[in-house]
Amino acid sequence: MALARSIIYFVVEDAAQAIDSYYKGKPLGSIGHLAAFSFHETKNIISGEEGCWLLMTTVLLKEQKIIREKGTNRSAFFRGEIDKYGWVDIGSSFLPSELLQLFYTLN
């Protein structure tokens, strides 16, 4: 983290299988600027193809929203900040699997 601060880089922790694990008394996923947890079927916690990000700084919040919105500035459009939304960066779809969607619907 000291090196990252000295050269102004962000540290992304791949904490996919680090739930309930610690390094020097700190929970893994809380050390870097951003942590990514995977809930894929091969990981410790399973939830289809879902996952989560933990942001330790608000500096990355705008970028996170763009990625979550499939690379668009759709959130800014719904907040009334822009007239129409479009593609502005990379993104992806983070919807649960069809099986989980059915489960959520039935419960």
C-alpha atoms as a PDB file:
ATOM      1  CA  MET A   1       0.000   0.000   0.000  1.00  0.00           C
ATOM      2  CA  ALA A   2       2.898   2.367   0.749  1.00  0.00           C
ATOM      3  CA  LEU A   3       4.364   1.731  -2.703  1.00  0.00           C
ATOM      4  CA  ALA A   4       0.972   2.273  -4.339  1.00  0.00           C
ATOM      5  CA  ARG A   5       0.567   5.579  -2.484  1.00  0.00           C
ATOM      6  CA  SER A   6       4.054   6.726  -3.474  1.00  0.00           C
ATOM      7  CA  ILE A   7       3.408   6.206  -7.204  1.00  0.00           C
ATOM      8  CA  ILE A   8      -0.330   7.029  -7.111  1.00  0.00           C
ATOM      9  CA  TYR A   9      -1.702   3.612  -8.077  1.00  0.00           C
ATOM     10  CA  PHE A  10      -4.802   1.856  -6.832  1.00  0.00           C
ATOM     11  CA  VAL A  11      -4.545  -1.594  -5.267  1.00  0.00           C
ATOM     12  CA  VAL A  12      -7.257  -4.072  -6.252  1.00  0.00           C
ATOM     13  CA  GLU A  13      -7.469  -7.100  -3.986  1.00  0.00           C
ATOM     14  CA  ASP A  14      -8.604 -10.328  -5.571  1.00  0.00           C
ATOM     15  CA  ALA A  15     -10.382 -11.612  -2.475  1.00  0.00           C
ATOM     16  CA  ALA A  16     -12.433 -14.253  -4.309  1.00  0.00           C
ATOM     17  CA  GLN A  17     -11.706 -16.961  -1.755  1.00  0.00           C
ATOM     18  CA  ALA A  18     -10.591 -14.798   1.161  1.00  0.00           C
ATOM     19  CA  ILE A  19     -13.820 -14.572   3.140  1.00  0.00           C
ATOM     20  CA  ASP A  20     -13.054 -14.867   6.859  1.00  0.00           C
ATOM     21  CA  SER A  21      -9.291 -14.753   6.213  1.00  0.00           C
ATOM     22  CA  TYR A  22      -6.864 -12.267   7.767  1.00  0.00           C
ATOM     23  CA  TYR A  23      -3.419 -10.819   7.134  1.00  0.00           C
ATOM     24  CA  LYS A  24      -1.658  -9.233  10.119  1.00  0.00           C
ATOM     25  CA  GLY A  25      -5.004  -8.944  11.898  1.00  0.00           C
ATOM     26  CA  LYS A  26      -6.818  -7.214   9.001  1.00  0.00           C
ATOM     27  CA  PRO A  27      -9.597  -8.964   7.066  1.00  0.00           C
ATOM     28  CA  LEU A  28      -8.578  -9.744   3.502  1.00  0.00           C
ATOM     29  CA  GLY A  29     -10.584  -7.548   1.202  1.00  0.00           C
ATOM     30  CA  SER A  30     -10.077  -4.504   3.427  1.00  0.00           C
ATOM     31  CA  ILE A  31      -6.422  -3.776   2.708  1.00  0.00           C
ATOM     32  CA  GLY A  32      -6.471  -2.405  -0.854  1.00  0.00           C
ATOM     33  CA  HIS A  33      -8.459   0.448  -2.359  1.00  0.00           C
ATOM     34  CA  LEU A  34     -10.934  -1.988  -3.905  1.00  0.00           C
ATOM     35  CA  ALA A  35     -11.665  -5.661  -3.226  1.00  0.00           C
ATOM     36  CA  ALA A  36     -13.391  -8.082  -5.569  1.00  0.00           C
ATOM     37  CA  PHE A  37     -15.234 -11.137  -4.236  1.00  0.00           C
ATOM     38  CA  SER A  38     -16.519 -13.854  -6.533  1.00  0.00           C
ATOM     39  CA  PHE A  39     -19.527 -16.007  -5.729  1.00  0.00           C
ATOM     40  CA  HIS A  40     -18.954 -18.385  -8.644  1.00  0.00           C
ATOM     41  CA  GLU A  41     -19.672 -22.071  -8.062  1.00  0.00           C
ATOM     42  CA  THR A  42     -15.958 -22.812  -7.574  1.00  0.00           C
ATOM     43  CA  LYS A  43     -15.543 -20.287  -4.718  1.00  0.00           C
ATOM     44  CA  ASN A  44     -16.207 -20.400  -0.962  1.00  0.00           C
ATOM     45  CA  ILE A  45     -19.653 -18.794  -1.202  1.00  0.00           C
ATOM     46  CA  ILE A  46     -21.853 -19.709  -4.151  1.00  0.00           C
ATOM     47  CA  SER A  47     -24.462 -17.477  -5.751  1.00  0.00           C
ATOM     48  CA  GLY A  48     -24.528 -18.286  -9.440  1.00  0.00           C
ATOM     49  CA  GLU A  49     -22.203 -15.954 -11.297  1.00  0.00           C
ATOM     50  CA  GLU A  50     -22.499 -13.045  -8.929  1.00  0.00           C
ATOM     51  CA  GLY A  51     -19.890 -11.248  -6.884  1.00  0.00           C
ATOM     52  CA  CYS A  52     -19.314  -7.974  -5.105  1.00  0.00           C
ATOM     53  CA  TRP A  53     -16.906  -5.085  -4.894  1.00  0.00           C
ATOM     54  CA  LEU A  54     -15.871  -3.320  -1.739  1.00  0.00           C
ATOM     55  CA  LEU A  55     -14.707   0.247  -2.291  1.00  0.00           C
ATOM     56  CA  MET A  56     -12.412   1.644   0.372  1.00  0.00           C
ATOM     57  CA  THR A  57     -12.379   5.077  -1.265  1.00  0.00           C
ATOM     58  CA  THR A  58     -15.039   7.188  -2.972  1.00  0.00           C
ATOM     59  CA  VAL A  59     -12.537   8.106  -5.701  1.00  0.00           C
ATOM     60  CA  LEU A  60     -13.535   4.962  -7.617  1.00  0.00           C
ATOM     61  CA  LEU A  61     -17.291   5.326  -7.113  1.00  0.00           C
ATOM     62  CA  LYS A  62     -18.009   6.985 -10.482  1.00  0.00           C
ATOM     63  CA  GLU A  63     -16.036   4.331 -12.386  1.00  0.00           C
ATOM     64  CA  GLN A  64     -17.741   1.542 -10.440  1.00  0.00           C
ATOM     65  CA  LYS A  65     -21.177   2.839 -11.401  1.00  0.00           C
ATOM     66  CA  ILE A  66     -20.202   2.996 -15.090  1.00  0.00           C
ATOM     67  CA  ILE A  67     -18.921  -0.586 -15.064  1.00  0.00           C
ATOM     68  CA  ARG A  68     -22.047  -1.777 -13.216  1.00  0.00           C
ATOM     69  CA  GLU A  69     -24.244  -0.029 -15.802  1.00  0.00           C
ATOM     70  CA  LYS A  70     -22.623  -2.066 -18.618  1.00  0.00           C
ATOM     71  CA  GLY A  71     -20.255   0.754 -19.604  1.00  0.00           C
ATOM     72  CA  THR A  72     -22.882   3.489 -19.823  1.00  0.00           C
ATOM     73  CA  ASN A  73     -23.509   6.658 -17.839  1.00  0.00           C
ATOM     74  CA  ARG A  74     -27.106   5.536 -17.235  1.00  0.00           C
ATOM     75  CA  SER A  75     -27.006   6.380 -13.499  1.00  0.00           C
ATOM     76  CA  ALA A  76     -26.105   9.987 -14.309  1.00  0.00           C
ATOM     77  CA  PHE A  77     -29.068  10.104 -16.721  1.00  0.00           C
ATOM     78  CA  PHE A  78     -31.503   8.895 -14.057  1.00  0.00           C
ATOM     79  CA  ARG A  79     -30.124  11.470 -11.616  1.00  0.00           C
ATOM     80  CA  GLY A  80     -30.871  14.179 -14.230  1.00  0.00           C
ATOM     81  CA  GLU A  81     -27.199  15.091 -14.693  1.00  0.00           C
ATOM     82  CA  ILE A  82     -27.239  14.467 -18.480  1.00  0.00           C
ATOM     83  CA  ASP A  83     -29.908  14.586 -21.218  1.00  0.00           C
ATOM     84  CA  LYS A  84     -29.323  11.089 -22.604  1.00  0.00           C
ATOM     85  CA  TYR A  85     -27.009   8.248 -21.736  1.00  0.00           C
ATOM     86  CA  GLY A  86     -24.525   6.387 -23.888  1.00  0.00           C
ATOM     87  CA  TRP A  87     -21.445   4.196 -23.858  1.00  0.00           C
ATOM     88  CA  VAL A  88     -18.545   5.796 -22.002  1.00  0.00           C
ATOM     89  CA  ASP A  89     -16.284   2.901 -20.906  1.00  0.00           C
ATOM     90  CA  ILE A  90     -16.059  -0.855 -20.436  1.00  0.00           C
ATOM     91  CA  GLY A  91     -18.731  -2.684 -18.493  1.00  0.00           C
ATOM     92  CA  SER A  92     -20.454  -6.005 -18.061  1.00  0.00           C
ATOM     93  CA  SER A  93     -23.699  -7.621 -17.015  1.00  0.00           C
ATOM     94  CA  PHE A  94     -23.840  -8.656 -13.381  1.00  0.00           C
ATOM     95  CA  LEU A  95     -27.273 -10.253 -13.280  1.00  0.00           C
ATOM     96  CA  PRO A  96     -27.813 -13.455 -11.318  1.00  0.00           C
ATOM     97  CA  SER A  97     -28.154 -16.706 -13.241  1.00  0.00           C
ATOM     98  CA  GLU A  98     -31.585 -17.718 -14.549  1.00  0.00           C
ATOM     99  CA  LEU A  99     -31.844 -20.383 -11.843  1.00  0.00           C
ATOM    100  CA  LEU A 100     -31.242 -17.830  -9.085  1.00  0.00           C
ATOM    101  CA  GLN A 101     -33.672 -15.360 -10.673  1.00  0.00           C
ATOM    102  CA  LEU A 102     -36.324 -18.096 -10.583  1.00  0.00           C
ATOM    103  CA  PHE A 103     -35.465 -18.846  -6.944  1.00  0.00           C
ATOM    104  CA  TYR A 104     -35.742 -15.155  -6.001  1.00  0.00           C
ATOM    105  CA  THR A 105     -39.086 -14.933  -7.820  1.00  0.00           C
ATOM    106  CA  LEU A 106     -40.525 -17.962  -6.013  1.00  0.00           C
ATOM    107  CA  ASN A 107     -39.415 -16.820  -2.556  1.00  0.00           C
END
